């Protein structure tokens, strides 16, 4: 169960035909968000230790195969496969169901890896507060 599924190719199934959104979020916190998970950062912001200043949809794709980021495409493909498996699990052979159950029990904590936040670009030299294209509502 540790192998990942291949990313879908164009024209596979209709389940890949939904809208996918690439977005950016900018904000300020009174704590260092580097090395923390997004969930922890969001929790701290909800407690008043930060504010979002921008939420922007950068790009949309109408099909999974059109997503340019191979890692993201693979994650979506794996999620779709898991959802398909959950819907049809009762039709699988009992030994395969047991293998799946065993794999899930072994990796309970690593079902969804919690990646820490890392910087994708160097910090800008100028003050960004003067040019905000879209404000968080």
C-alpha atoms as a PDB file:
ATOM      1  CA  UNK A   1       0.000   0.000   0.000  1.00  0.00           C
ATOM      2  CA  UNK A   2       2.987   2.359   0.115  1.00  0.00           C
ATOM      3  CA  UNK A   3       3.140   2.836  -3.657  1.00  0.00           C
ATOM      4  CA  UNK A   4       1.301   5.823  -5.052  1.00  0.00           C
ATOM      5  CA  UNK A   5      -0.969   5.767  -8.042  1.00  0.00           C
ATOM      6  CA  UNK A   6       0.075   7.268 -11.331  1.00  0.00           C
ATOM      7  CA  UNK A   7      -1.335  10.698 -12.070  1.00  0.00           C
ATOM      8  CA  UNK A   8      -4.297  10.583 -14.438  1.00  0.00           C
ATOM      9  CA  UNK A   9      -3.870  11.118 -18.149  1.00  0.00           C
ATOM     10  CA  UNK A  10      -6.130  13.324 -20.248  1.00  0.00           C
ATOM     11  CA  UNK A  11      -9.489  11.808 -21.044  1.00  0.00           C
ATOM     12  CA  UNK A  12      -9.654   9.277 -18.206  1.00  0.00           C
ATOM     13  CA  UNK A  13     -12.937   9.544 -16.288  1.00  0.00           C
ATOM     14  CA  UNK A  14     -15.516  12.152 -15.431  1.00  0.00           C
ATOM     15  CA  UNK A  15     -14.514  12.073 -11.751  1.00  0.00           C
ATOM     16  CA  UNK A  16     -11.438  14.111 -12.745  1.00  0.00           C
ATOM     17  CA  UNK A  17     -13.668  16.709 -14.405  1.00  0.00           C
ATOM     18  CA  UNK A  18     -14.206  19.210 -11.641  1.00  0.00           C
ATOM     19  CA  UNK A  19     -12.746  22.631 -11.031  1.00  0.00           C
ATOM     20  CA  UNK A  20      -9.413  22.771  -9.211  1.00  0.00           C
ATOM     21  CA  UNK A  21      -8.214  26.050  -7.677  1.00  0.00           C
ATOM     22  CA  UNK A  22      -4.684  27.271  -7.093  1.00  0.00           C
ATOM     23  CA  UNK A  23      -4.681  30.045  -4.505  1.00  0.00           C
ATOM     24  CA  UNK A  24      -2.450  32.259  -2.396  1.00  0.00           C
ATOM     25  CA  UNK A  25      -2.932  33.513   1.112  1.00  0.00           C
ATOM     26  CA  UNK A  26      -0.950  36.339   2.697  1.00  0.00           C
ATOM     27  CA  UNK A  27      -1.078  37.450   6.263  1.00  0.00           C
ATOM     28  CA  UNK A  28       0.696  38.693   9.346  1.00  0.00           C
ATOM     29  CA  UNK A  29       1.273  36.874  12.616  1.00  0.00           C
ATOM     30  CA  UNK A  30       2.902  37.727  15.927  1.00  0.00           C
ATOM     31  CA  UNK A  31       4.645  34.311  15.918  1.00  0.00           C
ATOM     32  CA  UNK A  32       7.100  32.656  13.535  1.00  0.00           C
ATOM     33  CA  UNK A  33       5.027  30.439  11.205  1.00  0.00           C
ATOM     34  CA  UNK A  34       8.045  28.725   9.628  1.00  0.00           C
ATOM     35  CA  UNK A  35       8.213  25.033  10.410  1.00  0.00           C
ATOM     36  CA  UNK A  36       4.597  24.908  11.648  1.00  0.00           C
ATOM     37  CA  UNK A  37       1.746  23.090   9.939  1.00  0.00           C
ATOM     38  CA  UNK A  38      -0.984  25.046   8.213  1.00  0.00           C
ATOM     39  CA  UNK A  39      -3.461  23.696  10.769  1.00  0.00           C
ATOM     40  CA  UNK A  40      -1.397  25.136  13.659  1.00  0.00           C
ATOM     41  CA  UNK A  41      -1.000  28.491  11.893  1.00  0.00           C
ATOM     42  CA  UNK A  42      -4.774  28.641  11.241  1.00  0.00           C
ATOM     43  CA  UNK A  43      -5.481  27.748  14.883  1.00  0.00           C
ATOM     44  CA  UNK A  44      -3.208  30.570  16.086  1.00  0.00           C
ATOM     45  CA  UNK A  45      -4.803  33.049  13.665  1.00  0.00           C
ATOM     46  CA  UNK A  46      -8.272  32.050  14.900  1.00  0.00           C
ATOM     47  CA  UNK A  47      -7.083  32.805  18.443  1.00  0.00           C
ATOM     48  CA  UNK A  48      -6.135  36.346  17.395  1.00  0.00           C
ATOM     49  CA  UNK A  49      -2.401  35.851  16.905  1.00  0.00           C
ATOM     50  CA  UNK A  50      -2.504  36.849  13.244  1.00  0.00           C
ATOM     51  CA  UNK A  51      -4.577  38.239  10.400  1.00  0.00           C
ATOM     52  CA  UNK A  52      -5.037  37.423   6.736  1.00  0.00           C
ATOM     53  CA  UNK A  53      -4.458  40.353   4.436  1.00  0.00           C
ATOM     54  CA  UNK A  54      -4.945  38.677   1.040  1.00  0.00           C
ATOM     55  CA  UNK A  55      -6.729  35.672  -0.387  1.00  0.00           C
ATOM     56  CA  UNK A  56      -6.424  35.293  -4.126  1.00  0.00           C
ATOM     57  CA  UNK A  57      -7.351  32.569  -6.600  1.00  0.00           C
ATOM     58  CA  UNK A  58      -4.382  32.495  -8.964  1.00  0.00           C
ATOM     59  CA  UNK A  59      -5.458  29.831 -11.436  1.00  0.00           C
ATOM     60  CA  UNK A  60      -8.253  27.341 -12.082  1.00  0.00           C
ATOM     61  CA  UNK A  61      -8.237  24.112 -14.047  1.00  0.00           C
ATOM     62  CA  UNK A  62     -11.321  22.230 -15.240  1.00  0.00           C
ATOM     63  CA  UNK A  63      -9.621  18.824 -15.309  1.00  0.00           C
ATOM     64  CA  UNK A  64      -7.157  17.073 -13.025  1.00  0.00           C
ATOM     65  CA  UNK A  65      -4.911  16.248 -15.991  1.00  0.00           C
ATOM     66  CA  UNK A  66      -4.467  19.987 -16.670  1.00  0.00           C
ATOM     67  CA  UNK A  67      -2.805  20.685 -13.301  1.00  0.00           C
ATOM     68  CA  UNK A  68       0.866  21.434 -13.983  1.00  0.00           C
ATOM     69  CA  UNK A  69       2.225  20.472 -10.557  1.00  0.00           C
ATOM     70  CA  UNK A  70       2.862  16.716 -10.692  1.00  0.00           C
ATOM     71  CA  UNK A  71       2.943  16.282  -6.891  1.00  0.00           C
ATOM     72  CA  UNK A  72      -0.418  18.012  -6.468  1.00  0.00           C
ATOM     73  CA  UNK A  73      -1.905  16.054  -9.378  1.00  0.00           C
ATOM     74  CA  UNK A  74      -0.735  12.789  -7.798  1.00  0.00           C
ATOM     75  CA  UNK A  75      -2.220  13.726  -4.400  1.00  0.00           C
ATOM     76  CA  UNK A  76      -5.602  14.483  -5.985  1.00  0.00           C
ATOM     77  CA  UNK A  77      -5.437  11.241  -8.022  1.00  0.00           C
ATOM     78  CA  UNK A  78      -4.699   9.227  -4.876  1.00  0.00           C
ATOM     79  CA  UNK A  79      -7.553  10.913  -3.007  1.00  0.00           C
ATOM     80  CA  UNK A  80      -9.971  10.177  -5.853  1.00  0.00           C
ATOM     81  CA  UNK A  81      -8.826   6.541  -5.909  1.00  0.00           C
ATOM     82  CA  UNK A  82      -9.325   6.250  -2.143  1.00  0.00           C
ATOM     83  CA  UNK A  83     -12.843   7.709  -2.415  1.00  0.00           C
ATOM     84  CA  UNK A  84     -13.635   5.268  -5.229  1.00  0.00           C
ATOM     85  CA  UNK A  85     -12.310   2.418  -3.075  1.00  0.00           C
ATOM     86  CA  UNK A  86     -14.434   3.456  -0.089  1.00  0.00           C
ATOM     87  CA  UNK A  87     -17.565   3.455  -2.284  1.00  0.00           C
ATOM     88  CA  UNK A  88     -16.879  -0.059  -3.619  1.00  0.00           C
ATOM     89  CA  UNK A  89     -15.110  -1.741  -0.705  1.00  0.00           C
ATOM     90  CA  UNK A  90     -17.844  -4.316  -0.118  1.00  0.00           C
ATOM     91  CA  UNK A  91     -17.309  -5.745  -3.593  1.00  0.00           C
ATOM     92  CA  UNK A  92     -13.625  -6.499  -2.978  1.00  0.00           C
ATOM     93  CA  UNK A  93     -12.269  -9.915  -1.990  1.00  0.00           C
ATOM     94  CA  UNK A  94     -12.121 -10.387   1.801  1.00  0.00           C
ATOM     95  CA  UNK A  95      -8.340 -10.899   1.840  1.00  0.00           C
ATOM     96  CA  UNK A  96      -7.837  -7.553   0.067  1.00  0.00           C
ATOM     97  CA  UNK A  97     -10.163  -5.840   2.540  1.00  0.00           C
ATOM     98  CA  UNK A  98      -8.069  -7.287   5.380  1.00  0.00           C
ATOM     99  CA  UNK A  99      -4.856  -6.058   3.728  1.00  0.00           C
ATOM    100  CA  UNK A 100      -6.332  -2.570   3.438  1.00  0.00           C
ATOM    101  CA  UNK A 101      -7.522  -2.641   7.062  1.00  0.00           C
ATOM    102  CA  UNK A 102      -4.078  -3.746   8.211  1.00  0.00           C
ATOM    103  CA  UNK A 103      -2.345  -1.024   6.185  1.00  0.00           C
ATOM    104  CA  UNK A 104      -4.663   1.642   7.579  1.00  0.00           C
ATOM    105  CA  UNK A 105      -4.152   0.465  11.152  1.00  0.00           C
ATOM    106  CA  UNK A 106      -0.366   0.491  10.724  1.00  0.00           C
ATOM    107  CA  UNK A 107      -0.230   4.024   9.383  1.00  0.00           C
ATOM    108  CA  UNK A 108      -2.968   5.732  11.421  1.00  0.00           C
ATOM    109  CA  UNK A 109      -0.887   8.825  12.118  1.00  0.00           C
ATOM    110  CA  UNK A 110       0.371   9.228   8.570  1.00  0.00           C
ATOM    111  CA  UNK A 111      -2.901   9.167   6.642  1.00  0.00           C
ATOM    112  CA  UNK A 112      -2.460  12.833   5.718  1.00  0.00           C
ATOM    113  CA  UNK A 113       1.103  14.060   6.122  1.00  0.00           C
ATOM    114  CA  UNK A 114       1.300  17.400   7.881  1.00  0.00           C
ATOM    115  CA  UNK A 115       3.956  19.313   6.008  1.00  0.00           C
ATOM    116  CA  UNK A 116       5.476  22.270   7.797  1.00  0.00           C
ATOM    117  CA  UNK A 117       5.276  25.668   6.168  1.00  0.00           C
ATOM    118  CA  UNK A 118       8.338  26.595   4.155  1.00  0.00           C
ATOM    119  CA  UNK A 119       9.174  29.770   2.320  1.00  0.00           C
ATOM    120  CA  UNK A 120       8.594  29.532  -1.432  1.00  0.00           C
ATOM    121  CA  UNK A 121      10.192  32.854  -2.320  1.00  0.00           C
ATOM    122  CA  UNK A 122      12.534  35.380  -0.750  1.00  0.00           C
ATOM    123  CA  UNK A 123      10.917  38.132   1.273  1.00  0.00           C
ATOM    124  CA  UNK A 124      10.347  41.325  -0.727  1.00  0.00           C
ATOM    125  CA  UNK A 125      12.631  44.245   0.021  1.00  0.00           C
ATOM    126  CA  UNK A 126       9.939  46.906  -0.250  1.00  0.00           C
ATOM    127  CA  UNK A 127       6.876  47.472   1.916  1.00  0.00           C
ATOM    128  CA  UNK A 128       3.987  45.442   0.447  1.00  0.00           C
ATOM    129  CA  UNK A 129       1.304  47.217   2.474  1.00  0.00           C
ATOM    130  CA  UNK A 130       0.940  49.944  -0.195  1.00  0.00           C
ATOM    131  CA  UNK A 131       0.031  47.584  -3.036  1.00  0.00           C
ATOM    132  CA  UNK A 132      -2.551  45.005  -2.034  1.00  0.00           C
ATOM    133  CA  UNK A 133      -4.569  43.869  -5.069  1.00  0.00           C
ATOM    134  CA  UNK A 134      -7.332  42.047  -3.136  1.00  0.00           C
ATOM    135  CA  UNK A 135      -8.255  42.309   0.535  1.00  0.00           C
ATOM    136  CA  UNK A 136      -9.540  39.455   2.636  1.00  0.00           C
ATOM    137  CA  UNK A 137     -13.242  40.192   3.313  1.00  0.00           C
END
